[in-house]
Amino acid sequence: MAGPSPLSCAFLAASWMTLGALAFPASAQTAAPAPAPQGSVEQVPAPESGLVAPAPSPAPKPSAIAPAASTEALPPKQVAWSFNGPFGTYDRAALQRGFQVYKEVCSACHALSHVAFRNLADAGGPGFTPAQVAAIAAAYKVPADPDEQGKTMDASGQPLTRAAGPADYFPPPYPNEKATRAALNGALPPDLSLIVKAREGHEDYVYSILTGFGRPPATEKMAPGMNYNPYFPRHQIAMPPPLTNGFVTYADGTPNTIDQEARDVVTFLAWAAEPKMEERKRTGFNVMIFLIGFTTLLFFSYRRVWHGHHDVGATGEGQD
């Protein structure tokens, strides 16, 4: 029997080589290096000796920027106020002293435009008499009506004014926003009529601002014309410390410390923001008493009218 021809042997050899290439590709024949575990040092083969040496890792560089100090406002101080709680009321003496602090200190920059002079004699307020209210109002000037010729300016170009009356509202210290900013180095003090209700923290926040002024720490740099107060956002406020010990002389002999002045003026501003608080609480209390009594009456009426009666359809009782 004749052996295989050289051509057939070459064909068989080529076929086996092709099958081997398909079954075992070159990428699979050469094992890929295993990935280095996380956190290990990369191994680099030495060029001549073939030894594996760790790659040098760069030394950490110290940061040239120090962490900035936090400028978030501190939470307000917690103060016990006489008007807090469901049965709280305003301290009449504190209201009158607080009005004095506002008049002698705060009114130089801050308006109280939502409060009328007559409100000072309203029930639940400072308790001034009508004569006292008229005297307080007469010390203020408000814009006057046009004169007989229809003019609103005098010969020097100034607006005509008149003495205020009980029906007038507290006039602002400056005629408009531009005049305010020009006089106060660009600052615009807020109206204090609703300041207690308009700020988060309410009366505690206002009290903390008034008593929180101090020297800034070395880590905080103050902008020109700003004052340090950690209870204000970014710890910088344009208002200088408004209260000082002994600045206001109380007629009733109350110690005129910064803390006392702050407590009194905050009490007055809390009343200005909610002058009907005591009436509201009394009304709410009376409504609760009425609801409790009415509910009790309904309960006993139900017991008397329906006592001994049952739902016949549900229990089957009472049927013939």
Protein backbone atom coordinates (compact mmCIF):
# COMPACT_ATOMS: atom_id res chain seq x y z
CA MET A 1 0.00 0.00 0.00
CA ALA A 2 1.46 3.30 -0.98
CA GLY A 3 2.17 5.84 1.81
CA PRO A 4 0.70 9.32 1.87
CA SER A 5 2.03 11.72 -0.64
CA PRO A 6 4.11 14.74 0.50
CA LEU A 7 1.30 17.10 -0.61
CA SER A 8 -1.26 15.39 1.61
CA CYS A 9 1.14 15.46 4.59
CA ALA A 10 1.68 19.18 4.16
CA PHE A 11 -2.09 19.74 3.96
CA LEU A 12 -2.68 17.79 7.20
CA ALA A 13 0.05 19.71 9.02
CA ALA A 14 -1.44 23.04 7.97
CA SER A 15 -4.91 21.92 9.09
CA TRP A 16 -3.69 20.98 12.59
CA MET A 17 -1.88 24.28 12.94
CA THR A 18 -5.06 26.16 11.97
CA LEU A 19 -7.17 24.23 14.48
CA GLY A 20 -4.62 24.90 17.22
CA ALA A 21 -4.65 28.62 16.50
CA LEU A 22 -8.44 28.72 16.68
CA ALA A 23 -8.67 26.67 19.89
CA PHE A 24 -5.81 28.40 21.73
CA PRO A 25 -5.41 32.07 20.62
CA ALA A 26 -2.19 33.82 21.31
CA SER A 27 -3.79 36.11 23.91
CA ALA A 28 -4.88 33.08 25.91
CA GLN A 29 -1.63 31.19 25.49
CA THR A 30 0.29 34.00 27.17
CA ALA A 31 -0.99 34.54 30.72
CA ALA A 32 -1.75 38.20 31.50
CA PRO A 33 -0.09 39.53 34.66
CA ALA A 34 -2.44 39.59 37.67
CA PRO A 35 -3.49 43.09 38.73
CA ALA A 36 -1.76 44.37 41.80
CA PRO A 37 -3.99 44.51 44.91
CA GLN A 38 -5.29 47.95 45.85
CA GLY A 39 -2.91 49.86 48.05
CA SER A 40 0.19 47.75 47.12
CA VAL A 41 3.41 49.19 45.70
CA GLU A 42 3.88 48.85 41.96
CA GLN A 43 6.65 46.39 41.04
CA VAL A 44 9.09 47.42 38.31
CA PRO A 45 11.66 44.92 36.97
CA ALA A 46 15.24 46.01 37.20
CA PRO A 47 16.77 46.53 33.77
CA GLU A 48 19.89 44.36 34.23
CA SER A 49 19.62 41.96 37.17
CA GLY A 50 15.95 41.11 36.60
CA LEU A 51 15.06 41.72 40.26
CA VAL A 52 11.77 43.36 41.10
CA ALA A 53 12.09 46.73 42.90
CA PRO A 54 9.28 48.88 44.31
CA ALA A 55 8.59 52.15 42.50
CA PRO A 56 9.31 55.16 44.72
CA SER A 57 6.09 56.96 45.75
CA PRO A 58 6.18 60.79 45.98
CA ALA A 59 6.20 62.24 49.49
CA PRO A 60 3.04 64.20 50.42
CA LYS A 61 3.44 67.94 50.27
CA PRO A 62 2.17 70.00 53.19
CA SER A 63 -0.80 72.23 52.36
CA ALA A 64 0.04 75.90 52.20
CA ILE A 65 -3.63 76.91 52.82
CA ALA A 66 -4.92 76.66 56.39
CA PRO A 67 -8.60 75.68 56.82
CA ALA A 68 -10.81 78.75 57.04
CA ALA A 69 -12.66 79.43 60.28
CA SER A 70 -16.40 78.83 60.18
CA THR A 71 -18.44 81.99 59.71
CA GLU A 72 -21.86 80.43 60.20
CA ALA A 73 -24.02 82.37 62.62
CA LEU A 74 -24.25 80.96 66.12
CA PRO A 75 -27.69 79.80 67.30
CA PRO A 76 -29.54 82.55 69.22
CA LYS A 77 -29.35 82.72 72.98
CA GLN A 78 -32.29 81.21 74.81
CA VAL A 79 -34.04 83.84 76.95
CA ALA A 80 -37.13 83.46 79.17
CA TRP A 81 -39.67 86.07 78.04
CA SER A 82 -42.81 87.02 79.94
CA PHE A 83 -44.92 86.94 76.77
CA ASN A 84 -44.03 83.38 75.69
CA GLY A 85 -46.34 80.45 76.29
CA PRO A 86 -50.13 80.15 76.03
CA PHE A 87 -50.70 82.39 79.05
CA GLY A 88 -47.81 84.84 78.53
CA THR A 89 -48.41 88.59 78.69
CA TYR A 90 -46.35 91.70 78.03
CA ASP A 91 -44.64 93.40 80.92
CA ARG A 92 -46.08 96.93 80.87
CA ALA A 93 -43.05 98.49 82.57
CA ALA A 94 -40.71 96.70 80.16
CA LEU A 95 -42.78 97.97 77.21
CA GLN A 96 -42.46 101.58 78.35
CA ARG A 97 -38.73 101.21 79.00
CA GLY A 98 -38.33 99.51 75.63
CA PHE A 99 -40.06 102.39 73.89
CA GLN A 100 -37.64 104.74 75.60
CA VAL A 101 -34.68 102.71 74.28
CA TYR A 102 -36.13 102.75 70.78
CA LYS A 103 -36.79 106.48 70.89
CA GLU A 104 -33.36 107.44 72.28
CA VAL A 105 -31.21 104.88 70.44
CA CYS A 106 -32.83 102.90 67.63
CA SER A 107 -34.96 105.62 66.00
CA ALA A 108 -31.85 107.43 64.77
CA CYS A 109 -31.45 104.78 62.03
CA HIS A 110 -34.44 102.41 62.12
CA ALA A 111 -38.03 103.16 61.14
CA LEU A 112 -41.17 101.92 62.89
CA SER A 113 -43.52 102.73 60.05
CA HIS A 114 -46.29 100.19 60.83
CA VAL A 115 -46.96 101.54 64.33
CA ALA A 116 -49.14 104.60 64.97
CA PHE A 117 -48.73 106.84 67.99
CA ARG A 118 -52.28 106.01 69.13
CA ASN A 119 -51.28 102.34 69.40
CA LEU A 120 -49.19 103.25 72.44
CA ALA A 121 -52.44 103.72 74.37
CA ASP A 122 -54.18 100.57 73.10
CA ALA A 123 -55.14 97.76 75.45
CA GLY A 124 -52.39 95.21 75.69
CA GLY A 125 -49.74 97.80 74.80
CA PRO A 126 -47.35 99.99 76.78
CA GLY A 127 -50.27 101.55 78.62
CA PHE A 128 -49.57 105.24 77.97
CA THR A 129 -52.42 107.64 78.62
CA PRO A 130 -53.94 109.66 75.74
CA ALA A 131 -52.26 112.79 77.08
CA GLN A 132 -48.89 111.05 77.13
CA VAL A 133 -49.42 109.79 73.59
CA ALA A 134 -50.25 113.29 72.36
CA ALA A 135 -47.08 114.65 73.99
CA ILE A 136 -44.96 111.86 72.46
CA ALA A 137 -46.42 112.46 69.00
CA ALA A 138 -45.91 116.23 69.16
CA ALA A 139 -42.15 115.70 69.44
CA TYR A 140 -42.05 114.25 65.88
CA LYS A 141 -42.38 116.01 62.56
CA VAL A 142 -44.37 114.55 59.67
CA PRO A 143 -44.97 115.86 56.11
CA ALA A 144 -47.61 118.58 56.00
CA ASP A 145 -50.41 118.99 53.50
CA PRO A 146 -49.97 121.52 50.71
CA ASP A 147 -50.44 125.10 51.81
CA GLU A 148 -53.06 127.51 50.49
CA GLN A 149 -51.05 127.97 47.32
CA GLY A 150 -50.65 124.23 46.80
CA LYS A 151 -46.95 124.25 47.62
CA THR A 152 -45.26 121.43 49.52
CA MET A 153 -41.88 123.17 49.86
CA ASP A 154 -40.93 126.23 51.84
CA ALA A 155 -38.84 129.15 50.60
CA SER A 156 -35.58 127.25 51.22
CA GLY A 157 -36.72 124.21 49.29
CA GLN A 158 -37.38 122.03 52.32
CA PRO A 159 -40.57 119.95 52.55
CA LEU A 160 -43.33 121.43 54.67
CA THR A 161 -43.76 119.63 57.98
CA ARG A 162 -46.06 119.76 60.98
CA ALA A 163 -46.16 118.30 64.46
CA ALA A 164 -47.42 114.73 64.49
CA GLY A 165 -50.68 113.73 66.15
CA PRO A 166 -51.88 110.48 67.74
CA ALA A 167 -53.35 109.30 64.42
CA ASP A 168 -50.02 109.59 62.59
CA TYR A 169 -47.51 106.79 62.19
CA PHE A 170 -43.92 106.97 63.37
CA PRO A 171 -41.99 108.82 60.68
CA PRO A 172 -38.79 107.27 59.26
CA PRO A 173 -35.45 108.86 60.16
CA TYR A 174 -34.65 109.52 56.47
CA PRO A 175 -36.98 110.49 53.62
CA ASN A 176 -36.02 107.63 51.25
CA GLU A 177 -33.61 104.77 50.67
CA LYS A 178 -31.02 106.85 48.81
CA ALA A 179 -30.83 109.37 51.62
CA THR A 180 -30.48 106.53 54.13
CA ARG A 181 -27.60 104.87 52.28
CA ALA A 182 -25.86 108.18 51.73
CA ALA A 183 -25.97 109.00 55.43
CA LEU A 184 -25.03 105.49 56.65
CA ASN A 185 -22.11 104.59 54.39
CA GLY A 186 -24.25 102.51 52.04
CA ALA A 187 -26.07 100.54 54.75
CA LEU A 188 -29.86 100.19 54.80
CA PRO A 189 -31.17 99.48 58.32
CA PRO A 190 -34.35 97.37 58.35
CA ASP A 191 -37.70 98.63 59.54
CA LEU A 192 -38.23 97.38 63.09
CA SER A 193 -42.03 97.15 63.00
CA LEU A 194 -42.02 93.42 62.17
CA ILE A 195 -38.38 92.53 62.79
CA VAL A 196 -39.16 90.07 65.60
CA LYS A 197 -41.53 88.05 63.39
CA ALA A 198 -39.45 88.44 60.23
CA ARG A 199 -36.27 86.80 61.58
CA GLU A 200 -35.74 83.14 62.40
CA GLY A 201 -35.31 82.87 66.14
CA HIS A 202 -37.64 85.86 66.64
CA GLU A 203 -37.03 87.73 69.90
CA ASP A 204 -34.06 85.53 70.85
CA TYR A 205 -32.34 86.43 67.58
CA VAL A 206 -32.81 90.19 68.05
CA TYR A 207 -31.60 89.97 71.64
CA SER A 208 -28.53 87.97 70.57
CA ILE A 209 -27.63 90.54 67.91
CA LEU A 210 -27.90 93.42 70.38
CA THR A 211 -25.75 91.71 73.01
CA GLY A 212 -23.38 89.75 70.76
CA PHE A 213 -20.86 92.39 69.68
CA GLY A 214 -17.21 91.81 70.52
CA ARG A 215 -13.67 91.65 69.23
CA PRO A 216 -13.09 89.36 66.23
CA PRO A 217 -10.73 86.41 66.65
CA ALA A 218 -7.37 86.41 64.89
CA THR A 219 -8.66 83.90 62.32
CA GLU A 220 -11.32 86.28 60.98
CA LYS A 221 -10.54 89.40 58.99
CA MET A 222 -13.11 92.15 59.12
CA ALA A 223 -14.04 94.21 56.08
CA PRO A 224 -13.71 97.99 56.35
CA GLY A 225 -16.61 99.56 58.23
CA MET A 226 -17.93 96.21 59.52
CA ASN A 227 -18.36 95.07 63.11
CA TYR A 228 -17.89 91.59 64.56
CA ASN A 229 -21.00 89.76 65.75
CA PRO A 230 -21.01 85.93 65.76
CA TYR A 231 -24.82 85.79 65.75
CA PHE A 232 -25.01 87.52 62.35
CA PRO A 233 -24.34 85.66 59.06
CA ARG A 234 -20.62 85.75 58.19
CA HIS A 235 -20.03 87.39 61.60
CA GLN A 236 -19.89 90.87 60.02
CA ILE A 237 -22.56 93.51 60.45
CA ALA A 238 -22.58 97.15 59.41
CA MET A 239 -24.42 98.28 62.54
CA PRO A 240 -22.06 99.32 65.35
CA PRO A 241 -22.91 98.26 68.91
CA PRO A 242 -26.05 100.32 69.61
CA LEU A 243 -26.29 99.78 73.38
CA THR A 244 -23.86 100.76 76.12
CA ASN A 245 -24.04 100.55 79.88
CA GLY A 246 -25.71 103.62 81.32
CA PHE A 247 -26.69 105.20 78.01
CA VAL A 248 -30.43 105.25 78.77
CA THR A 249 -31.60 106.60 82.14
CA TYR A 250 -34.76 104.85 83.29
CA ALA A 251 -37.26 106.90 85.25
CA ASP A 252 -38.23 103.93 87.43
CA GLY A 253 -34.66 103.35 88.56
CA THR A 254 -34.16 100.04 86.71
CA PRO A 255 -30.44 99.23 86.20
CA ASN A 256 -29.51 100.45 82.73
CA THR A 257 -27.14 97.65 81.70
CA ILE A 258 -26.75 96.43 78.13
CA ASP A 259 -28.61 93.25 79.00
CA GLN A 260 -31.55 95.15 80.53
CA GLU A 261 -31.75 97.64 77.67
CA ALA A 262 -31.73 94.78 75.16
CA ARG A 263 -34.46 92.88 77.01
CA ASP A 264 -36.66 95.99 77.22
CA VAL A 265 -36.34 97.04 73.59
CA VAL A 266 -36.89 93.46 72.37
CA THR A 267 -40.06 93.28 74.46
CA PHE A 268 -41.26 96.53 72.88
CA LEU A 269 -40.44 95.28 69.36
CA ALA A 270 -42.23 91.98 70.05
CA TRP A 271 -45.34 94.01 70.95
CA ALA A 272 -44.91 96.17 67.82
CA ALA A 273 -44.86 93.02 65.68
CA GLU A 274 -47.90 91.50 67.42
CA PRO A 275 -49.87 94.14 69.34
CA LYS A 276 -52.98 91.93 69.67
CA MET A 277 -51.17 88.93 71.16
CA GLU A 278 -52.87 89.08 74.57
CA GLU A 279 -56.31 89.47 73.00
CA ARG A 280 -55.60 86.53 70.69
CA LYS A 281 -54.58 84.32 73.61
CA ARG A 282 -57.66 85.28 75.63
CA THR A 283 -59.90 84.52 72.67
CA GLY A 284 -58.21 81.17 72.12
CA PHE A 285 -58.56 80.26 75.79
CA ASN A 286 -62.27 81.15 75.79
CA VAL A 287 -62.82 79.12 72.63
CA MET A 288 -61.15 76.09 74.22
CA ILE A 289 -63.35 76.41 77.33
CA PHE A 290 -66.45 76.66 75.13
CA LEU A 291 -65.46 73.60 73.08
CA ILE A 292 -64.78 71.52 76.19
CA GLY A 293 -68.14 72.52 77.74
CA PHE A 294 -70.02 71.96 74.47
CA THR A 295 -68.43 68.54 73.97
CA THR A 296 -69.33 67.53 77.54
CA LEU A 297 -72.95 68.66 77.01
CA LEU A 298 -73.20 66.66 73.79
CA PHE A 299 -71.80 63.57 75.49
CA PHE A 300 -74.27 63.59 78.37
CA SER A 301 -77.15 64.47 76.03
CA TYR A 302 -76.26 61.46 73.93
CA ARG A 303 -76.14 59.23 77.01
CA ARG A 304 -79.56 60.43 78.20
CA VAL A 305 -81.36 60.28 74.86
CA TRP A 306 -79.90 57.04 73.54
CA HIS A 307 -79.32 55.16 76.80
CA GLY A 308 -80.77 51.62 76.52
CA HIS A 309 -81.37 51.89 72.78
CA HIS A 310 -79.56 49.56 70.42
CA ASP A 311 -79.27 49.16 66.74
CA VAL A 312 -82.12 46.72 66.07
CA GLY A 313 -80.90 45.89 62.63
CA ALA A 314 -77.45 45.01 63.89
CA THR A 315 -78.29 43.04 67.07
CA GLY A 316 -81.72 41.63 66.30
CA GLU A 317 -83.10 42.80 69.66
CA GLY A 318 -86.57 44.37 69.92
CA GLN A 319 -88.00 42.51 66.98
CA ASP A 320 -91.47 40.87 67.35
